[in-house]
Every structure is written in structure tokens, then in C-alpha cells.
């Protein structure tokens, strides 16, 4: 079976994306980067990966992508939040399902291959791609990324997730609970458990601890897969990111 893919490309209701507003376009997904819409770059990278099956895009207005993405792309309407949208995609496309975002303008086929292989080797039900701080500083010196600092190193997310088996639904249900409490950090901490919060504060929490706790709460095997290229942590959230991505794309890739 091919590996189906979901690209999250929608906008939050009532919250126009500032990058889209600045460019006078409806969605950040179609923001041009070196003359090419970001989402087109993502689709092209995915199509170059062996074994990729259906590519679905979650967006509330598919018409804005007319002439930008291939005709064989599937569209899935957004649900109430990213987690619900992923659950809807799982119901439609099944597992395994790779999930990424339309603003992952630097996405390379090699990163996808490495991530999927790492997830398969781990035997997990759900995997999240990460980039370690040392690799980010090496490959994108000077960039400012959001870092999660744990006892075994700091890392940033890479907007790449793999839902390998049906057990992954348990992780999405946990994600939905946390998403519902995103404005209430203490409630989120209560869901995860005080022990996790205390170890995080004391800098004793490791990636394995986090995966075990999420796995216990969701009844699924969870893994974080470090990607070999620190650029994988770069997405386009603000003008400085757009400048960075444009500069990086002007330099020939070594991969």
C-alpha cells in the first residue's frame, strides 16, 4: 500500500494569517517563495518520494489552489481544529498517513524518506519529526526557532507526523483534549500529569519520558524521530522566516 499524505493548508476561523494579509492573498499556503507557491513546493517534494499514494489537502477553499496543485490531489474540508482535521483525514485515507503543513517550503524528499524509515525502524504507532538544536545551529546558524529543552537535549518540531497504525487514533484523541485546553496551561498539565510537569521544570524530563507518558495516556507507541538536517525545523510563520527560506533556496542543496 502507498503512503497517503495530508497537507494542512487551512486558516483558523476568524483569524486571518498575517503573512497572507501582508501579501494580499487569501491563504498563506499560496504565498510565493522564489516565485513558486509554498504548497506547490511541498506537493512537488512529496511526489518525488517513492511509495507516496494519495495526496490530500485540508483547506476550506479548494478553489484558491486551482492551477497551483495537480488535478489528482484530494481535498478534505477542515474540521474544528487541526487535531479534528487529522482525525477526519484518517477516517478518509486510513493508515499509514503522513501529515505535514503547506508552509514547509524547504521540504525535501530525503527528509521524508529518513523520517518514514526511522518511524518504521522504531516500530511505533505514531511518530513526530524533530530537529536537534545542534543540527539547527549547524545548518541554519542565526535562526530563531521555538526550542523544547529536555534533559537529553533541546529540539524543535519539524511539522512532520506519521500515523502508522489504527492505534494512532488514541494519540489524536489525546491531542484533541489538549487542544481544547490550549488557553489553559494548568489544565493541559493536569491532563499530562504533575509528574511530567515537575520533571520538566527540574530539567529531568527526557524525550523517552515524554513518549512513554503520551503512549500510556493514548494506548499507542510513540516515537520522536530526529531528522538529519536542521533546515527541516524551518517553516514560514513570519517575515523573517520568509527571508530565511528565500535565502536558503537560493543556495544549491547538498542532498
Protein backbone atom coordinates (compact mmCIF):
# COMPACT_ATOMS: atom_id res chain seq x y z
CA UNK A 1 0.00 0.00 0.00
CA UNK A 2 1.13 3.54 -0.73
CA UNK A 3 1.73 6.08 1.98
CA UNK A 4 -1.07 8.64 1.88
CA UNK A 5 -0.35 12.24 2.83
CA UNK A 6 -2.33 15.07 4.39
CA UNK A 7 -1.16 18.66 3.92
CA UNK A 8 -2.71 21.10 6.40
CA UNK A 9 -3.30 24.34 4.49
CA UNK A 10 -6.35 25.98 6.03
CA UNK A 11 -6.72 29.18 8.02
CA UNK A 12 -8.11 29.42 11.54
CA UNK A 13 -11.70 30.78 11.52
CA UNK A 14 -11.81 34.48 12.26
CA UNK A 15 -8.02 34.79 12.37
CA UNK A 16 -6.57 35.86 9.00
CA UNK A 17 -2.94 34.85 8.73
CA UNK A 18 -0.73 37.96 8.97
CA UNK A 19 1.63 36.63 6.27
CA UNK A 20 -1.30 36.21 3.89
CA UNK A 21 -2.65 39.64 4.78
CA UNK A 22 0.71 41.29 4.15
CA UNK A 23 0.89 39.67 0.70
CA UNK A 24 -2.78 40.47 -0.04
CA UNK A 25 -3.68 36.83 -0.63
CA UNK A 26 -6.36 34.63 0.90
CA UNK A 27 -4.14 31.85 2.31
CA UNK A 28 -0.53 31.61 3.41
CA UNK A 29 -0.32 28.30 1.51
CA UNK A 30 -0.15 30.18 -1.80
CA UNK A 31 2.49 32.67 -0.65
CA UNK A 32 5.17 32.79 -3.38
CA UNK A 33 8.67 31.73 -2.34
CA UNK A 34 11.24 32.38 -5.08
CA UNK A 35 8.31 32.64 -7.46
CA UNK A 36 6.61 29.37 -6.51
CA UNK A 37 3.65 29.00 -4.10
CA UNK A 38 4.75 27.26 -0.92
CA UNK A 39 2.20 24.49 -1.19
CA UNK A 40 3.38 23.70 -4.70
CA UNK A 41 6.88 23.16 -3.33
CA UNK A 42 5.52 20.80 -0.68
CA UNK A 43 3.50 18.76 -3.18
CA UNK A 44 6.47 18.51 -5.56
CA UNK A 45 8.74 17.23 -2.78
CA UNK A 46 6.20 14.64 -1.72
CA UNK A 47 5.63 13.42 -5.26
CA UNK A 48 9.35 12.69 -5.54
CA UNK A 49 9.19 10.17 -2.66
CA UNK A 50 8.84 6.56 -3.71
CA UNK A 51 5.69 4.88 -2.37
CA UNK A 52 3.65 8.04 -1.85
CA UNK A 53 -0.02 7.32 -2.57
CA UNK A 54 -2.83 9.85 -2.43
CA UNK A 55 -2.05 13.43 -1.51
CA UNK A 56 -4.88 15.24 0.27
CA UNK A 57 -5.04 18.90 1.20
CA UNK A 58 -7.09 20.17 4.11
CA UNK A 59 -8.33 23.65 3.21
CA UNK A 60 -11.69 25.39 3.47
CA UNK A 61 -11.49 26.87 -0.05
CA UNK A 62 -10.04 24.43 -2.59
CA UNK A 63 -10.72 26.95 -5.35
CA UNK A 64 -7.76 29.09 -4.25
CA UNK A 65 -5.45 26.24 -5.29
CA UNK A 66 -6.82 25.93 -8.83
CA UNK A 67 -3.91 25.70 -11.25
CA UNK A 68 -1.42 25.50 -8.37
CA UNK A 69 -1.66 21.85 -7.33
CA UNK A 70 -2.13 18.77 -9.56
CA UNK A 71 -5.64 17.76 -10.57
CA UNK A 72 -5.33 14.37 -8.85
CA UNK A 73 -4.97 15.92 -5.40
CA UNK A 74 -7.81 15.15 -2.96
CA UNK A 75 -9.40 17.89 -0.85
CA UNK A 76 -10.64 17.36 2.69
CA UNK A 77 -12.65 20.11 4.43
CA UNK A 78 -11.24 21.28 7.76
CA UNK A 79 -12.87 20.21 10.99
CA UNK A 80 -12.89 22.11 14.29
CA UNK A 81 -9.15 22.42 14.78
CA UNK A 82 -6.04 20.66 13.43
CA UNK A 83 -6.50 17.52 15.52
CA UNK A 84 -10.08 17.01 14.34
CA UNK A 85 -8.98 17.63 10.75
CA UNK A 86 -6.33 14.92 11.05
CA UNK A 87 -8.89 12.55 12.54
CA UNK A 88 -11.22 13.25 9.62
CA UNK A 89 -8.37 12.51 7.21
CA UNK A 90 -7.62 9.24 8.99
CA UNK A 91 -11.27 8.25 8.60
CA UNK A 92 -11.00 9.00 4.87
CA UNK A 93 -7.48 7.88 4.00
CA UNK A 94 -6.67 5.35 6.72
CA UNK A 95 -3.20 4.49 7.98
CA UNK A 96 -0.36 4.89 7.38
CA UNK A 97 -0.85 8.64 6.98
CA UNK A 98 1.91 11.23 6.75
CA UNK A 99 0.90 14.72 7.89
CA UNK A 100 2.75 17.94 7.11
CA UNK A 101 1.94 21.60 6.52
CA UNK A 102 1.69 23.86 3.50
CA UNK A 103 4.26 26.30 4.92
CA UNK A 104 7.03 23.67 4.94
CA UNK A 105 8.58 25.40 1.94
CA UNK A 106 12.02 23.78 2.33
CA UNK A 107 10.68 20.22 2.45
CA UNK A 108 12.96 17.75 0.69
CA UNK A 109 12.23 14.16 -0.40
CA UNK A 110 15.24 12.92 1.53
CA UNK A 111 13.84 14.23 4.78
CA UNK A 112 10.57 12.41 4.19
CA UNK A 113 12.40 9.16 3.40
CA UNK A 114 14.57 9.43 6.51
CA UNK A 115 11.58 10.22 8.71
CA UNK A 116 9.42 7.37 7.42
CA UNK A 117 12.31 4.89 7.65
CA UNK A 118 13.10 6.00 11.20
CA UNK A 119 9.47 5.60 12.23
CA UNK A 120 9.29 2.13 10.69
CA UNK A 121 12.51 1.08 12.41
CA UNK A 122 11.14 2.24 15.77
CA UNK A 123 8.01 0.09 15.44
CA UNK A 124 5.86 2.98 16.71
CA UNK A 125 2.21 3.72 16.04
CA UNK A 126 2.79 7.47 15.83
CA UNK A 127 5.97 9.40 15.07
CA UNK A 128 6.87 13.08 15.21
CA UNK A 129 9.81 14.51 13.29
CA UNK A 130 12.17 16.74 15.26
CA UNK A 131 15.46 18.54 14.66
CA UNK A 132 18.04 18.72 17.43
CA UNK A 133 19.35 22.14 18.41
CA UNK A 134 22.92 21.30 17.42
CA UNK A 135 21.80 20.38 13.91
CA UNK A 136 19.71 23.54 13.58
CA UNK A 137 22.62 25.72 14.69
CA UNK A 138 24.89 23.90 12.24
CA UNK A 139 22.57 24.08 9.22
CA UNK A 140 20.68 27.32 9.89
CA UNK A 141 23.00 29.46 12.02
CA UNK A 142 21.36 32.53 13.47
CA UNK A 143 17.78 31.35 13.05
CA UNK A 144 15.32 31.67 15.92
CA UNK A 145 13.22 28.54 16.33
CA UNK A 146 10.98 27.53 19.23
CA UNK A 147 13.00 25.01 21.25
CA UNK A 148 11.77 22.41 23.70
CA UNK A 149 14.54 21.90 26.25
CA UNK A 150 14.72 18.48 27.87
CA UNK A 151 17.35 16.65 29.86
CA UNK A 152 18.73 14.88 26.79
CA UNK A 153 18.89 17.92 24.54
CA UNK A 154 16.86 20.74 23.03
CA UNK A 155 14.91 20.28 19.84
CA UNK A 156 12.35 21.91 17.57
CA UNK A 157 9.41 20.33 15.80
CA UNK A 158 9.52 19.76 12.04
CA UNK A 159 5.80 19.74 11.16
CA UNK A 160 6.04 16.11 10.11
CA UNK A 161 3.96 13.38 11.70
CA UNK A 162 3.37 9.78 10.75
CA UNK A 163 0.26 7.94 11.91
CA UNK A 164 1.36 4.39 11.11
CA UNK A 165 -1.36 2.19 12.57
CA UNK A 166 -5.01 2.42 13.68
CA UNK A 167 -3.77 2.78 17.28
CA UNK A 168 -2.73 6.30 16.28
CA UNK A 169 -6.32 7.41 16.84
CA UNK A 170 -5.65 7.30 20.58
CA UNK A 171 -2.93 9.93 20.20
CA UNK A 172 -5.25 12.16 18.19
CA UNK A 173 -7.95 11.88 20.85
CA UNK A 174 -5.38 12.97 23.47
CA UNK A 175 -4.31 15.80 21.14
CA UNK A 176 -7.94 16.92 20.92
CA UNK A 177 -8.19 17.09 24.72
CA UNK A 178 -5.02 19.17 24.90
CA UNK A 179 -6.11 21.38 22.01
CA UNK A 180 -9.40 22.10 23.79
CA UNK A 181 -7.40 23.38 26.78
CA UNK A 182 -4.70 25.25 24.83
CA UNK A 183 -5.63 28.53 26.56
CA UNK A 184 -5.39 26.89 29.99
CA UNK A 185 -1.82 25.63 30.56
CA UNK A 186 -2.58 24.25 34.03
CA UNK A 187 -5.44 22.15 32.67
CA UNK A 188 -3.15 20.85 29.96
CA UNK A 189 -0.55 19.98 32.59
CA UNK A 190 -3.21 18.17 34.60
CA UNK A 191 -4.07 16.03 31.58
CA UNK A 192 -0.42 15.07 31.10
CA UNK A 193 0.14 14.56 34.81
CA UNK A 194 2.00 16.55 37.51
CA UNK A 195 4.99 14.21 37.38
CA UNK A 196 5.75 15.17 33.78
CA UNK A 197 5.50 18.89 34.62
CA UNK A 198 7.74 18.56 37.68
CA UNK A 199 10.44 16.66 35.79
CA UNK A 200 10.27 19.24 33.01
CA UNK A 201 10.76 22.11 35.48
CA UNK A 202 13.67 20.27 37.10
CA UNK A 203 15.21 19.55 33.67
CA UNK A 204 14.99 15.80 34.29
CA UNK A 205 12.46 15.02 31.57
CA UNK A 206 13.77 13.14 28.52
CA UNK A 207 12.29 12.50 25.10
CA UNK A 208 11.76 8.87 26.05
CA UNK A 209 9.83 10.01 29.16
CA UNK A 210 7.54 12.16 27.02
CA UNK A 211 6.92 9.35 24.53
CA UNK A 212 6.19 6.86 27.31
CA UNK A 213 3.73 9.21 29.00
CA UNK A 214 1.88 10.03 25.80
CA UNK A 215 1.88 6.34 24.96
CA UNK A 216 0.41 5.46 28.35
CA UNK A 217 -2.35 8.05 28.02
CA UNK A 218 -3.17 7.16 24.41
CA UNK A 219 -2.53 3.40 24.43
CA UNK A 220 -0.17 3.78 21.48
CA UNK A 221 3.56 3.50 20.85
CA UNK A 222 5.02 6.96 20.28
CA UNK A 223 8.41 7.99 18.91
CA UNK A 224 10.29 11.19 18.19
CA UNK A 225 12.45 10.83 15.10
CA UNK A 226 15.42 13.24 14.81
CA UNK A 227 15.94 14.34 11.21
CA UNK A 228 19.50 14.71 9.89
CA UNK A 229 19.09 18.25 8.53
CA UNK A 230 18.41 21.19 10.82
CA UNK A 231 16.64 23.03 7.99
CA UNK A 232 13.72 20.64 8.48
CA UNK A 233 12.68 22.72 11.50
CA UNK A 234 12.15 25.85 9.39
CA UNK A 235 8.64 26.81 8.34
CA UNK A 236 7.24 30.17 7.26
CA UNK A 237 5.42 31.81 10.16
CA UNK A 238 6.75 35.36 9.98
CA UNK A 239 8.55 37.73 7.58
CA UNK A 240 11.97 36.74 8.93
CA UNK A 241 11.18 33.11 8.07
CA UNK A 242 10.28 34.08 4.52
CA UNK A 243 13.58 35.94 4.15
CA UNK A 244 15.47 32.95 5.56
CA UNK A 245 13.73 30.41 3.34
CA UNK A 246 14.27 32.57 0.26
CA UNK A 247 17.97 32.81 1.06
CA UNK A 248 18.31 29.09 1.71
CA UNK A 249 16.53 28.18 -1.53
CA UNK A 250 18.95 30.35 -3.47
CA UNK A 251 21.79 28.06 -2.36
CA UNK A 252 22.05 24.67 -4.14
CA UNK A 253 21.14 21.79 -1.79
CA UNK A 254 23.74 19.16 -0.98
CA UNK A 255 21.08 16.48 -0.52
